Amino acid sequence: MSVTSDEVEYVSLSEAAAALSTTETRVLMLLKRKALEGMPTDEGWLVAAASLASYDGEEREPENLLQCRNSCTSSRCGCH
């Protein structure tokens, strides 16, 4: 099932998981880490088809998190 919103095509969480040969939980983790783009709906999450097509299998940490990890001395910031 493909959905279009604001000229962006989205696929369901289960379709994204099947396309990546992984689980829906893994796709949710990729969304949380911003390795994939998507949007929440009342029924769950949709994944941007273009994001899915361009995903290369590598997770990249956001630059600010990586920078914090390299220089932070606080154990309470959540980046450790």
Protein backbone atom coordinates (compact mmCIF):
# COMPACT_ATOMS: atom_id res chain seq x y z
CA MET A 1 0.00 0.00 0.00
CA SER A 2 1.53 3.26 -1.11
CA VAL A 3 0.28 6.62 0.18
CA THR A 4 1.12 10.06 -1.17
CA SER A 5 1.16 13.11 1.10
CA ASP A 6 2.49 16.52 0.07
CA GLU A 7 3.82 14.92 -3.12
CA VAL A 8 5.92 12.43 -1.11
CA GLU A 9 5.24 8.73 -1.60
CA TYR A 10 5.15 6.60 1.54
CA VAL A 11 5.00 2.85 2.12
CA SER A 12 3.77 1.00 5.18
CA LEU A 13 6.08 -0.13 7.94
CA SER A 14 5.61 -3.77 6.94
CA GLU A 15 6.44 -3.03 3.28
CA ALA A 16 9.57 -1.16 4.33
CA ALA A 17 10.63 -4.08 6.52
CA ALA A 18 10.07 -6.52 3.66
CA ALA A 19 12.03 -4.32 1.25
CA LEU A 20 14.98 -4.26 3.65
CA SER A 21 14.62 -7.94 4.61
CA THR A 22 14.34 -7.00 8.26
CA THR A 23 11.75 -6.55 10.98
CA GLU A 24 9.31 -3.72 11.59
CA THR A 25 11.10 -3.06 14.89
CA ARG A 26 14.38 -2.54 13.03
CA VAL A 27 12.69 -0.09 10.64
CA LEU A 28 11.33 1.83 13.64
CA MET A 29 14.87 2.02 15.02
CA LEU A 30 16.12 3.34 11.68
CA LEU A 31 13.37 5.96 11.72
CA LYS A 32 14.27 6.98 15.26
CA ARG A 33 17.93 7.31 14.32
CA LYS A 34 16.96 9.31 11.23
CA ALA A 35 18.56 6.76 8.90
CA LEU A 36 15.14 6.61 7.21
CA GLU A 37 12.51 9.31 6.84
CA GLY A 38 8.90 8.74 7.70
CA MET A 39 5.81 10.10 9.38
CA PRO A 40 3.57 8.85 12.16
CA THR A 41 -0.12 8.27 11.49
CA ASP A 42 -3.02 7.15 13.64
CA GLU A 43 -2.42 3.59 12.40
CA GLY A 44 1.36 3.55 12.85
CA TRP A 45 4.30 4.76 10.78
CA LEU A 46 4.78 5.33 7.07
CA VAL A 47 8.24 5.32 5.49
CA ALA A 48 9.19 7.67 2.65
CA ALA A 49 9.74 5.56 -0.44
CA ALA A 50 12.66 7.73 -1.62
CA SER A 51 14.33 7.37 1.76
CA LEU A 52 13.92 3.61 1.57
CA ALA A 53 15.30 3.50 -1.98
CA SER A 54 18.38 5.50 -1.05
CA TYR A 55 19.12 3.68 2.22
CA ASP A 56 22.53 2.04 1.87
CA GLY A 57 22.45 -0.11 4.97
CA GLU A 58 24.70 2.13 7.02
CA GLU A 59 23.46 3.98 10.04
CA ARG A 60 24.99 7.35 10.56
CA GLU A 61 24.92 9.09 13.88
CA PRO A 62 23.72 12.66 13.78
CA GLU A 63 26.71 15.03 13.84
CA ASN A 64 25.68 16.69 17.10
CA LEU A 65 25.46 13.32 18.88
CA LEU A 66 28.85 12.24 17.57
CA GLN A 67 30.36 15.54 18.64
CA CYS A 68 28.84 15.22 22.10
CA ARG A 69 30.12 11.68 22.47
CA ASN A 70 33.64 12.78 21.60
CA SER A 71 33.81 15.76 23.95
CA CYS A 72 31.13 15.34 26.62
CA THR A 73 32.07 14.54 30.20
CA SER A 74 28.53 14.34 31.55
CA SER A 75 27.01 10.95 32.12
CA ARG A 76 23.53 12.48 32.18
CA CYS A 77 23.27 13.88 28.67
CA GLY A 78 22.07 10.57 27.21
CA CYS A 79 24.70 10.28 24.49
CA HIS A 80 26.86 7.70 26.27
